[in-house]
Amino acid sequence: IITGAKKLNIPVELIDFKDREELMKLSPTPYGIFSVIYKGQLLTFHRL
């Protein structure tokens, strides 16, 4: 994600979940260990 974003000059923000509560509050999918969001839309929750 970071490599692709750099090629388009798009900055990336990383949020590492510290605990279950944070994951439950922020994750947009039930697959809470990886999500990529851009402009309010889910880009992916899979490796691309």
All heavy atoms as atom14 arrays in JSON, in Angstrom:
{
  "sequence": "IITGAKKLNIPVELIDFKDREELMKLSPTPYGIFSVIYKGQLLTFHRL",
  "atom14_mask": [
    [1, 1, 1, 1, 1, 1, 1, 1, 0, 0, 0, 0, 0, 0],
    [1, 1, 1, 1, 1, 1, 1, 1, 0, 0, 0, 0, 0, 0],
    [1, 1, 1, 1, 1, 1, 1, 0, 0, 0, 0, 0, 0, 0],
    [1, 1, 1, 1, 0, 0, 0, 0, 0, 0, 0, 0, 0, 0],
    [1, 1, 1, 1, 1, 0, 0, 0, 0, 0, 0, 0, 0, 0],
    [1, 1, 1, 1, 1, 1, 1, 1, 1, 0, 0, 0, 0, 0],
    [1, 1, 1, 1, 1, 1, 1, 1, 1, 0, 0, 0, 0, 0],
    [1, 1, 1, 1, 1, 1, 1, 1, 0, 0, 0, 0, 0, 0],
    [1, 1, 1, 1, 1, 1, 1, 1, 0, 0, 0, 0, 0, 0],
    [1, 1, 1, 1, 1, 1, 1, 1, 0, 0, 0, 0, 0, 0],
    [1, 1, 1, 1, 1, 1, 1, 0, 0, 0, 0, 0, 0, 0],
    [1, 1, 1, 1, 1, 1, 1, 0, 0, 0, 0, 0, 0, 0],
    [1, 1, 1, 1, 1, 1, 1, 1, 1, 0, 0, 0, 0, 0],
    [1, 1, 1, 1, 1, 1, 1, 1, 0, 0, 0, 0, 0, 0],
    [1, 1, 1, 1, 1, 1, 1, 1, 0, 0, 0, 0, 0, 0],
    [1, 1, 1, 1, 1, 1, 1, 1, 0, 0, 0, 0, 0, 0],
    [1, 1, 1, 1, 1, 1, 1, 1, 1, 1, 1, 0, 0, 0],
    [1, 1, 1, 1, 1, 1, 1, 1, 1, 0, 0, 0, 0, 0],
    [1, 1, 1, 1, 1, 1, 1, 1, 0, 0, 0, 0, 0, 0],
    [1, 1, 1, 1, 1, 1, 1, 1, 1, 1, 1, 0, 0, 0],
    [1, 1, 1, 1, 1, 1, 1, 1, 1, 0, 0, 0, 0, 0],
    [1, 1, 1, 1, 1, 1, 1, 1, 1, 0, 0, 0, 0, 0],
    [1, 1, 1, 1, 1, 1, 1, 1, 0, 0, 0, 0, 0, 0],
    [1, 1, 1, 1, 1, 1, 1, 1, 0, 0, 0, 0, 0, 0],
    [1, 1, 1, 1, 1, 1, 1, 1, 1, 0, 0, 0, 0, 0],
    [1, 1, 1, 1, 1, 1, 1, 1, 0, 0, 0, 0, 0, 0],
    [1, 1, 1, 1, 1, 1, 0, 0, 0, 0, 0, 0, 0, 0],
    [1, 1, 1, 1, 1, 1, 1, 0, 0, 0, 0, 0, 0, 0],
    [1, 1, 1, 1, 1, 1, 1, 0, 0, 0, 0, 0, 0, 0],
    [1, 1, 1, 1, 1, 1, 1, 0, 0, 0, 0, 0, 0, 0],
    [1, 1, 1, 1, 1, 1, 1, 1, 1, 1, 1, 1, 0, 0],
    [1, 1, 1, 1, 0, 0, 0, 0, 0, 0, 0, 0, 0, 0],
    [1, 1, 1, 1, 1, 1, 1, 1, 0, 0, 0, 0, 0, 0],
    [1, 1, 1, 1, 1, 1, 1, 1, 1, 1, 1, 0, 0, 0],
    [1, 1, 1, 1, 1, 1, 0, 0, 0, 0, 0, 0, 0, 0],
    [1, 1, 1, 1, 1, 1, 1, 0, 0, 0, 0, 0, 0, 0],
    [1, 1, 1, 1, 1, 1, 1, 1, 0, 0, 0, 0, 0, 0],
    [1, 1, 1, 1, 1, 1, 1, 1, 1, 1, 1, 1, 0, 0],
    [1, 1, 1, 1, 1, 1, 1, 1, 1, 0, 0, 0, 0, 0],
    [1, 1, 1, 1, 0, 0, 0, 0, 0, 0, 0, 0, 0, 0],
    [1, 1, 1, 1, 1, 1, 1, 1, 1, 0, 0, 0, 0, 0],
    [1, 1, 1, 1, 1, 1, 1, 1, 0, 0, 0, 0, 0, 0],
    [1, 1, 1, 1, 1, 1, 1, 1, 0, 0, 0, 0, 0, 0],
    [1, 1, 1, 1, 1, 1, 1, 0, 0, 0, 0, 0, 0, 0],
    [1, 1, 1, 1, 1, 1, 1, 1, 1, 1, 1, 0, 0, 0],
    [1, 1, 1, 1, 1, 1, 1, 1, 1, 1, 0, 0, 0, 0],
    [1, 1, 1, 1, 1, 1, 1, 1, 1, 1, 1, 0, 0, 0],
    [1, 1, 1, 1, 1, 1, 1, 1, 0, 0, 0, 0, 0, 0]
  ],
  "atom14_positions": [
    [[0.85, -1.2, 0.0], [0.0, 0.0, 0.0], [0.88, 1.24, 0.0], [0.67, 2.18, -0.79], [-0.95, 0.02, 1.22], [-1.9, -1.19, 1.22], [-1.72, 1.35, 1.29], [-2.89, -1.25, 0.1], [0.0, 0.0, 0.0], [0.0, 0.0, 0.0], [0.0, 0.0, 0.0], [0.0, 0.0, 0.0], [0.0, 0.0, 0.0], [0.0, 0.0, 0.0]],
    [[1.88, 1.27, 0.86], [2.76, 2.43, 0.96], [3.51, 2.66, -0.35], [3.61, 3.8, -0.84], [3.72, 2.28, 2.15], [2.92, 2.36, 3.46], [4.83, 3.33, 2.11], [3.73, 1.99, 4.7], [0.0, 0.0, 0.0], [0.0, 0.0, 0.0], [0.0, 0.0, 0.0], [0.0, 0.0, 0.0], [0.0, 0.0, 0.0], [0.0, 0.0, 0.0]],
    [[4.02, 1.6, -0.96], [4.76, 1.72, -2.22], [3.85, 2.27, -3.32], [4.24, 3.19, -4.06], [5.35, 0.36, -2.64], [6.23, -0.08, -1.61], [6.09, 0.47, -3.96], [0.0, 0.0, 0.0], [0.0, 0.0, 0.0], [0.0, 0.0, 0.0], [0.0, 0.0, 0.0], [0.0, 0.0, 0.0], [0.0, 0.0, 0.0], [0.0, 0.0, 0.0]],
    [[2.65, 1.74, -3.44], [1.71, 2.23, -4.45], [1.32, 3.67, -4.22], [1.25, 4.47, -5.15], [0.0, 0.0, 0.0], [0.0, 0.0, 0.0], [0.0, 0.0, 0.0], [0.0, 0.0, 0.0], [0.0, 0.0, 0.0], [0.0, 0.0, 0.0], [0.0, 0.0, 0.0], [0.0, 0.0, 0.0], [0.0, 0.0, 0.0], [0.0, 0.0, 0.0]],
    [[1.07, 4.02, -2.97], [0.68, 5.39, -2.63], [1.81, 6.38, -2.93], [1.58, 7.48, -3.42], [0.28, 5.47, -1.17], [0.0, 0.0, 0.0], [0.0, 0.0, 0.0], [0.0, 0.0, 0.0], [0.0, 0.0, 0.0], [0.0, 0.0, 0.0], [0.0, 0.0, 0.0], [0.0, 0.0, 0.0], [0.0, 0.0, 0.0], [0.0, 0.0, 0.0]],
    [[3.05, 5.98, -2.65], [4.2, 6.85, -2.93], [4.31, 7.16, -4.42], [4.63, 8.28, -4.8], [5.5, 6.21, -2.43], [5.74, 6.39, -0.96], [7.07, 5.82, -0.56], [7.29, 5.98, 0.94], [8.55, 5.38, 1.38], [0.0, 0.0, 0.0], [0.0, 0.0, 0.0], [0.0, 0.0, 0.0], [0.0, 0.0, 0.0], [0.0, 0.0, 0.0]],
    [[4.03, 6.17, -5.25], [4.11, 6.38, -6.7], [3.07, 7.4, -7.18], [3.24, 8.02, -8.22], [3.94, 5.06, -7.44], [5.13, 4.15, -7.24], [5.04, 2.89, -8.06], [6.27, 2.05, -7.76], [6.66, 1.21, -8.83], [0.0, 0.0, 0.0], [0.0, 0.0, 0.0], [0.0, 0.0, 0.0], [0.0, 0.0, 0.0], [0.0, 0.0, 0.0]],
    [[1.99, 7.57, -6.4], [0.95, 8.54, -6.74], [1.02, 9.78, -5.86], [0.12, 10.61, -5.88], [-0.43, 7.88, -6.6], [-0.7, 6.7, -7.54], [-2.03, 6.05, -7.21], [-0.65, 7.13, -8.99], [0.0, 0.0, 0.0], [0.0, 0.0, 0.0], [0.0, 0.0, 0.0], [0.0, 0.0, 0.0], [0.0, 0.0, 0.0], [0.0, 0.0, 0.0]],
    [[2.08, 9.89, -5.05], [2.27, 11.02, -4.13], [1.1, 11.19, -3.17], [0.65, 12.3, -2.9], [2.53, 12.32, -4.9], [3.83, 12.28, -5.67], [4.85, 11.84, -5.14], [3.78, 12.7, -6.92], [0.0, 0.0, 0.0], [0.0, 0.0, 0.0], [0.0, 0.0, 0.0], [0.0, 0.0, 0.0], [0.0, 0.0, 0.0], [0.0, 0.0, 0.0]],
    [[0.61, 10.08, -2.65], [-0.48, 10.1, -1.67], [0.11, 9.72, -0.31], [0.67, 8.63, -0.16], [-1.61, 9.12, -2.06], [-2.21, 9.51, -3.41], [-2.68, 9.07, -0.97], [-3.21, 8.5, -3.96], [0.0, 0.0, 0.0], [0.0, 0.0, 0.0], [0.0, 0.0, 0.0], [0.0, 0.0, 0.0], [0.0, 0.0, 0.0], [0.0, 0.0, 0.0]],
    [[-0.01, 10.59, 0.68], [0.51, 10.25, 2.01], [-0.33, 9.16, 2.67], [-1.53, 9.05, 2.41], [0.41, 11.57, 2.79], [-0.58, 12.39, 2.04], [-0.58, 11.93, 0.61], [0.0, 0.0, 0.0], [0.0, 0.0, 0.0], [0.0, 0.0, 0.0], [0.0, 0.0, 0.0], [0.0, 0.0, 0.0], [0.0, 0.0, 0.0], [0.0, 0.0, 0.0]],
    [[0.32, 8.38, 3.51], [-0.32, 7.25, 4.18], [-0.28, 7.45, 5.68], [0.76, 7.8, 6.24], [0.38, 5.91, 3.82], [-0.28, 4.75, 4.55], [0.38, 5.69, 2.32], [0.0, 0.0, 0.0], [0.0, 0.0, 0.0], [0.0, 0.0, 0.0], [0.0, 0.0, 0.0], [0.0, 0.0, 0.0], [0.0, 0.0, 0.0], [0.0, 0.0, 0.0]],
    [[-1.4, 7.22, 6.31], [-1.49, 7.25, 7.78], [-1.62, 5.81, 8.27], [-2.43, 5.04, 7.74], [-2.69, 8.06, 8.21], [-2.85, 8.18, 9.71], [-4.04, 9.03, 10.1], [-4.55, 9.8, 9.27], [-4.48, 8.89, 11.25], [0.0, 0.0, 0.0], [0.0, 0.0, 0.0], [0.0, 0.0, 0.0], [0.0, 0.0, 0.0], [0.0, 0.0, 0.0]],
    [[-0.83, 5.44, 9.27], [-0.88, 4.1, 9.85], [-1.5, 4.15, 11.24], [-1.13, 5.01, 12.04], [0.52, 3.51, 9.98], [1.23, 3.07, 8.72], [2.66, 2.67, 9.05], [0.5, 1.92, 8.07], [0.0, 0.0, 0.0], [0.0, 0.0, 0.0], [0.0, 0.0, 0.0], [0.0, 0.0, 0.0], [0.0, 0.0, 0.0], [0.0, 0.0, 0.0]],
    [[-2.43, 3.25, 11.48], [-2.98, 3.12, 12.83], [-2.79, 1.66, 13.24], [-3.37, 0.75, 12.64], [-4.47, 3.51, 12.88], [-4.64, 4.98, 12.52], [-5.06, 3.18, 14.26], [-6.07, 5.47, 12.47], [0.0, 0.0, 0.0], [0.0, 0.0, 0.0], [0.0, 0.0, 0.0], [0.0, 0.0, 0.0], [0.0, 0.0, 0.0], [0.0, 0.0, 0.0]],
    [[-1.94, 1.44, 14.23], [-1.72, 0.11, 14.78], [-2.63, -0.05, 15.99], [-2.51, 0.71, 16.96], [-0.26, -0.08, 15.19], [0.68, -0.11, 14.01], [0.29, -0.64, 12.95], [1.81, 0.4, 14.13], [0.0, 0.0, 0.0], [0.0, 0.0, 0.0], [0.0, 0.0, 0.0], [0.0, 0.0, 0.0], [0.0, 0.0, 0.0], [0.0, 0.0, 0.0]],
    [[-3.51, -1.01, 15.92], [-4.42, -1.24, 17.03], [-3.64, -1.64, 18.27], [-2.78, -2.52, 18.23], [-5.45, -2.33, 16.7], [-6.41, -1.94, 15.61], [-6.61, -2.77, 14.53], [-7.12, -0.76, 15.68], [-7.52, -2.44, 13.54], [-8.01, -0.41, 14.68], [-8.22, -1.25, 13.61], [0.0, 0.0, 0.0], [0.0, 0.0, 0.0], [0.0, 0.0, 0.0]],
    [[-3.93, -0.95, 19.37], [-3.24, -1.23, 20.63], [-3.96, -2.29, 21.45], [-3.36, -3.0, 22.24], [-3.11, 0.06, 21.44], [-2.24, 1.1, 20.78], [-2.3, 2.41, 21.53], [-1.75, 3.54, 20.73], [-2.53, 3.9, 19.56], [0.0, 0.0, 0.0], [0.0, 0.0, 0.0], [0.0, 0.0, 0.0], [0.0, 0.0, 0.0], [0.0, 0.0, 0.0]],
    [[-5.27, -2.38, 21.25], [-6.05, -3.33, 22.04], [-7.36, -3.66, 21.33], [-7.7, -3.07, 20.3], [-6.31, -2.81, 23.45], [-6.94, -1.42, 23.46], [-7.77, -1.11, 22.58], [-6.62, -0.64, 24.37], [0.0, 0.0, 0.0], [0.0, 0.0, 0.0], [0.0, 0.0, 0.0], [0.0, 0.0, 0.0], [0.0, 0.0, 0.0], [0.0, 0.0, 0.0]],
    [[-8.09, -4.59, 21.89], [-9.36, -5.04, 21.32], [-10.37, -3.9, 21.23], [-11.09, -3.77, 20.25], [-9.92, -6.17, 22.18], [-11.26, -6.67, 21.7], [-11.84, -7.71, 22.68], [-13.11, -8.21, 22.22], [-14.28, -7.61, 22.42], [-14.33, -6.46, 23.08], [-15.39, -8.13, 21.96], [0.0, 0.0, 0.0], [0.0, 0.0, 0.0], [0.0, 0.0, 0.0]],
    [[-10.42, -3.05, 22.24], [-11.39, -1.96, 22.27], [-11.2, -1.01, 21.08], [-12.15, -0.59, 20.45], [-11.33, -1.19, 23.59], [-11.88, -1.94, 24.78], [-10.97, -3.06, 25.27], [-9.72, -2.97, 25.11], [-11.5, -4.06, 25.8], [0.0, 0.0, 0.0], [0.0, 0.0, 0.0], [0.0, 0.0, 0.0], [0.0, 0.0, 0.0], [0.0, 0.0, 0.0]],
    [[-9.94, -0.7, 20.78], [-9.66, 0.19, 19.65], [-10.06, -0.48, 18.34], [-10.66, 0.16, 17.47], [-8.17, 0.55, 19.65], [-7.84, 1.63, 18.66], [-6.39, 2.07, 18.75], [-5.51, 1.26, 19.12], [-6.13, 3.24, 18.44], [0.0, 0.0, 0.0], [0.0, 0.0, 0.0], [0.0, 0.0, 0.0], [0.0, 0.0, 0.0], [0.0, 0.0, 0.0]],
    [[-9.74, -1.74, 18.2], [-10.13, -2.48, 16.99], [-11.65, -2.49, 16.84], [-12.18, -2.22, 15.76], [-9.59, -3.91, 17.05], [-9.85, -4.76, 15.84], [-8.69, -5.7, 15.61], [-11.12, -5.56, 15.98], [0.0, 0.0, 0.0], [0.0, 0.0, 0.0], [0.0, 0.0, 0.0], [0.0, 0.0, 0.0], [0.0, 0.0, 0.0], [0.0, 0.0, 0.0]],
    [[-12.35, -2.78, 17.92], [-13.82, -2.86, 17.86], [-14.45, -1.5, 17.56], [-15.52, -1.42, 16.99], [-14.36, -3.4, 19.18], [-13.97, -4.84, 19.46], [-14.59, -6.0, 18.25], [-16.31, -6.03, 18.66], [0.0, 0.0, 0.0], [0.0, 0.0, 0.0], [0.0, 0.0, 0.0], [0.0, 0.0, 0.0], [0.0, 0.0, 0.0], [0.0, 0.0, 0.0]],
    [[-13.77, -0.44, 17.9], [-14.29, 0.91, 17.68], [-14.04, 1.39, 16.25], [-14.86, 2.1, 15.67], [-13.63, 1.86, 18.68], [-14.05, 3.29, 18.56], [-13.34, 4.1, 19.64], [-13.17, 5.53, 19.21], [-12.35, 6.29, 20.12], [0.0, 0.0, 0.0], [0.0, 0.0, 0.0], [0.0, 0.0, 0.0], [0.0, 0.0, 0.0], [0.0, 0.0, 0.0]],
    [[-12.9, 1.0, 15.64], [-12.49, 1.58, 14.37], [-12.63, 0.67, 13.14], [-12.84, 1.17, 12.04], [-11.03, 2.04, 14.45], [-10.73, 3.17, 15.42], [-9.23, 3.44, 15.47], [-11.49, 4.42, 15.04], [0.0, 0.0, 0.0], [0.0, 0.0, 0.0], [0.0, 0.0, 0.0], [0.0, 0.0, 0.0], [0.0, 0.0, 0.0], [0.0, 0.0, 0.0]],
    [[-12.47, -0.62, 13.31], [-12.42, -1.51, 12.14], [-13.73, -1.48, 11.34], [-14.8, -1.7, 11.88], [-12.13, -2.95, 12.57], [-12.05, -3.76, 11.42], [0.0, 0.0, 0.0], [0.0, 0.0, 0.0], [0.0, 0.0, 0.0], [0.0, 0.0, 0.0], [0.0, 0.0, 0.0], [0.0, 0.0, 0.0], [0.0, 0.0, 0.0], [0.0, 0.0, 0.0]],
    [[-13.63, -1.22, 10.02], [-14.84, -1.16, 9.21], [-15.35, -2.52, 8.73], [-16.4, -2.6, 8.11], [-14.4, -0.31, 8.01], [-12.96, -0.62, 7.87], [-12.45, -0.84, 9.27], [0.0, 0.0, 0.0], [0.0, 0.0, 0.0], [0.0, 0.0, 0.0], [0.0, 0.0, 0.0], [0.0, 0.0, 0.0], [0.0, 0.0, 0.0], [0.0, 0.0, 0.0]],
    [[-14.59, -3.58, 8.99], [-15.03, -4.92, 8.61], [-14.84, -5.88, 9.78], [-14.05, -5.61, 10.69], [-14.22, -5.49, 7.41], [-12.9, -5.83, 7.85], [-14.18, -4.52, 6.24], [0.0, 0.0, 0.0], [0.0, 0.0, 0.0], [0.0, 0.0, 0.0], [0.0, 0.0, 0.0], [0.0, 0.0, 0.0], [0.0, 0.0, 0.0], [0.0, 0.0, 0.0]],
    [[-15.51, -7.0, 9.76], [-15.28, -8.01, 10.8], [-13.86, -8.57, 10.78], [-13.38, -9.08, 11.77], [-16.3, -9.09, 10.48], [-17.4, -8.38, 9.78], [-16.7, -7.34, 8.95], [0.0, 0.0, 0.0], [0.0, 0.0, 0.0], [0.0, 0.0, 0.0], [0.0, 0.0, 0.0], [0.0, 0.0, 0.0], [0.0, 0.0, 0.0], [0.0, 0.0, 0.0]],
    [[-13.18, -8.46, 9.63], [-11.78, -8.89, 9.54], [-10.93, -7.73, 10.06], [-10.41, -6.93, 9.3], [-11.42, -9.23, 8.1], [-10.02, -9.76, 7.93], [-9.67, -11.01, 8.41], [-9.05, -9.01, 7.29], [-8.39, -11.5, 8.25], [-7.76, -9.49, 7.13], [-7.45, -10.72, 7.61], [-6.17, -11.22, 7.46], [0.0, 0.0, 0.0], [0.0, 0.0, 0.0]],
    [[-10.78, -7.64, 11.34], [-10.23, -6.46, 11.97], [-8.73, -6.29, 11.94], [-8.23, -5.28, 12.39], [0.0, 0.0, 0.0], [0.0, 0.0, 0.0], [0.0, 0.0, 0.0], [0.0, 0.0, 0.0], [0.0, 0.0, 0.0], [0.0, 0.0, 0.0], [0.0, 0.0, 0.0], [0.0, 0.0, 0.0], [0.0, 0.0, 0.0], [0.0, 0.0, 0.0]],
    [[-8.0, -7.23, 11.36], [-6.55, -7.08, 11.46], [-5.92, -6.28, 10.33], [-4.76, -5.9, 10.42], [-5.83, -8.44, 11.59], [-5.97, -9.27, 10.32], [-6.34, -9.2, 12.8], [-5.02, -10.44, 10.29], [0.0, 0.0, 0.0], [0.0, 0.0, 0.0], [0.0, 0.0, 0.0], [0.0, 0.0, 0.0], [0.0, 0.0, 0.0], [0.0, 0.0, 0.0]],
    [[-6.67, -5.96, 9.27], [-6.11, -5.18, 8.17], [-7.24, -4.56, 7.36], [-8.09, -5.27, 6.82], [-5.25, -6.05, 7.27], [-4.56, -5.3, 6.17], [-3.45, -4.5, 6.43], [-5.01, -5.38, 4.86], [-2.81, -3.81, 5.42], [-4.38, -4.69, 3.84], [-3.27, -3.9, 4.12], [0.0, 0.0, 0.0], [0.0, 0.0, 0.0], [0.0, 0.0, 0.0]],
    [[-7.23, -3.24, 7.29], [-8.19, -2.52, 6.45], [-7.49, -1.29, 5.9], [-6.69, -0.65, 6.59], [-9.41, -2.05, 7.25], [-10.13, -3.13, 7.75], [0.0, 0.0, 0.0], [0.0, 0.0, 0.0], [0.0, 0.0, 0.0], [0.0, 0.0, 0.0], [0.0, 0.0, 0.0], [0.0, 0.0, 0.0], [0.0, 0.0, 0.0], [0.0, 0.0, 0.0]],
    [[-7.81, -0.95, 4.66], [-7.27, 0.25, 4.04], [-8.44, 1.09, 3.58], [-9.32, 0.6, 2.85], [-6.35, -0.09, 2.84], [-5.76, 1.19, 2.26], [-5.25, -1.05, 3.26], [0.0, 0.0, 0.0], [0.0, 0.0, 0.0], [0.0, 0.0, 0.0], [0.0, 0.0, 0.0], [0.0, 0.0, 0.0], [0.0, 0.0, 0.0], [0.0, 0.0, 0.0]],
    [[-8.47, 2.34, 4.03], [-9.58, 3.24, 3.74], [-9.03, 4.48, 3.03], [-7.97, 5.0, 3.41], [-10.29, 3.66, 5.04], [-10.72, 2.42, 5.83], [-11.48, 4.56, 4.75], [-11.07, 2.68, 7.25], [0.0, 0.0, 0.0], [0.0, 0.0, 0.0], [0.0, 0.0, 0.0], [0.0, 0.0, 0.0], [0.0, 0.0, 0.0], [0.0, 0.0, 0.0]],
    [[-9.76, 4.94, 2.03], [-9.37, 6.16, 1.32], [-10.62, 6.93, 0.95], [-11.54, 6.38, 0.35], [-8.56, 5.8, 0.07], [-7.97, 6.98, -0.66], [-7.24, 7.96, 0.02], [-8.12, 7.12, -2.02], [-6.68, 9.04, -0.65], [-7.56, 8.19, -2.7], [-6.85, 9.15, -2.02], [-6.29, 10.22, -2.68], [0.0, 0.0, 0.0], [0.0, 0.0, 0.0]],
    [[-10.64, 8.19, 1.34], [-11.77, 9.08, 1.06], [-13.09, 8.48, 1.53], [-14.11, 8.54, 0.85], [-11.83, 9.43, -0.42], [-10.63, 10.22, -0.9], [-10.76, 10.65, -2.33], [-9.56, 11.5, -2.72], [-9.66, 11.97, -4.1], [0.0, 0.0, 0.0], [0.0, 0.0, 0.0], [0.0, 0.0, 0.0], [0.0, 0.0, 0.0], [0.0, 0.0, 0.0]],
    [[-13.07, 7.89, 2.73], [-14.28, 7.35, 3.32], [-14.78, 6.07, 2.69], [-15.89, 5.64, 2.97], [0.0, 0.0, 0.0], [0.0, 0.0, 0.0], [0.0, 0.0, 0.0], [0.0, 0.0, 0.0], [0.0, 0.0, 0.0], [0.0, 0.0, 0.0], [0.0, 0.0, 0.0], [0.0, 0.0, 0.0], [0.0, 0.0, 0.0], [0.0, 0.0, 0.0]],
    [[-13.95, 5.42, 1.87], [-14.34, 4.18, 1.23], [-13.32, 3.09, 1.54], [-12.12, 3.34, 1.6], [-14.44, 4.35, -0.28], [-15.53, 5.32, -0.69], [-15.65, 5.39, -2.2], [-15.54, 4.39, -2.89], [-15.86, 6.58, -2.72], [0.0, 0.0, 0.0], [0.0, 0.0, 0.0], [0.0, 0.0, 0.0], [0.0, 0.0, 0.0], [0.0, 0.0, 0.0]],
    [[-13.8, 1.87, 1.69], [-12.91, 0.75, 1.94], [-12.18, 0.42, 0.65], [-12.8, 0.1, -0.37], [-13.71, -0.46, 2.43], [-12.89, -1.69, 2.77], [-12.01, -1.42, 3.99], [-13.8, -2.88, 3.03], [0.0, 0.0, 0.0], [0.0, 0.0, 0.0], [0.0, 0.0, 0.0], [0.0, 0.0, 0.0], [0.0, 0.0, 0.0], [0.0, 0.0, 0.0]],
    [[-10.86, 0.53, 0.68], [-10.05, 0.18, -0.48], [-9.84, -1.33, -0.52], [-9.98, -1.96, -1.56], [-8.71, 0.91, -0.41], [-7.81, 0.82, -1.62], [-8.38, 1.64, -2.76], [-6.41, 1.29, -1.29], [0.0, 0.0, 0.0], [0.0, 0.0, 0.0], [0.0, 0.0, 0.0], [0.0, 0.0, 0.0], [0.0, 0.0, 0.0], [0.0, 0.0, 0.0]],
    [[-9.5, -1.92, 0.62], [-9.31, -3.36, 0.7], [-9.19, -3.82, 2.15], [-8.9, -3.02, 3.03], [-8.05, -3.8, -0.08], [-8.02, -5.23, -0.16], [-6.77, -3.3, 0.57], [0.0, 0.0, 0.0], [0.0, 0.0, 0.0], [0.0, 0.0, 0.0], [0.0, 0.0, 0.0], [0.0, 0.0, 0.0], [0.0, 0.0, 0.0], [0.0, 0.0, 0.0]],
    [[-9.4, -5.09, 2.35], [-9.03, -5.73, 3.61], [-8.2, -6.97, 3.32], [-7.98, -7.81, 4.17], [-10.26, -6.04, 4.49], [-11.28, -6.94, 3.86], [-11.23, -8.3, 4.02], [-12.31, -6.4, 3.11], [-12.18, -9.12, 3.44], [-13.27, -7.2, 2.53], [-13.2, -8.57, 2.69], [0.0, 0.0, 0.0], [0.0, 0.0, 0.0], [0.0, 0.0, 0.0]],
    [[-7.73, -7.07, 2.07], [-6.85, -8.15, 1.62], [-5.51, -7.56, 1.19], [-5.42, -6.38, 0.86], [-7.44, -8.86, 0.39], [-8.7, -9.58, 0.66], [-8.77, -10.69, 1.45], [-9.97, -9.35, 0.21], [-10.02, -11.12, 1.48], [-10.76, -10.33, 0.75], [0.0, 0.0, 0.0], [0.0, 0.0, 0.0], [0.0, 0.0, 0.0], [0.0, 0.0, 0.0]],
    [[-4.53, -8.4, 1.11], [-3.24, -7.99, 0.58], [-3.38, -7.77, -0.92], [-3.96, -8.59, -1.63], [-2.18, -9.06, 0.86], [-0.79, -8.64, 0.44], [0.21, -9.68, 0.81], [0.16, -10.77, -0.16], [0.99, -11.78, -0.17], [1.92, -11.9, 0.75], [0.89, -12.71, -1.09], [0.0, 0.0, 0.0], [0.0, 0.0, 0.0], [0.0, 0.0, 0.0]],
    [[-2.88, -6.64, -1.41], [-2.91, -6.31, -2.83], [-1.49, -6.2, -3.36], [-0.57, -5.87, -2.61], [-3.61, -4.97, -3.07], [-5.07, -4.83, -2.67], [-5.53, -3.39, -2.87], [-5.94, -5.79, -3.47], [0.0, 0.0, 0.0], [0.0, 0.0, 0.0], [0.0, 0.0, 0.0], [0.0, 0.0, 0.0], [0.0, 0.0, 0.0], [0.0, 0.0, 0.0]]
  ]
}
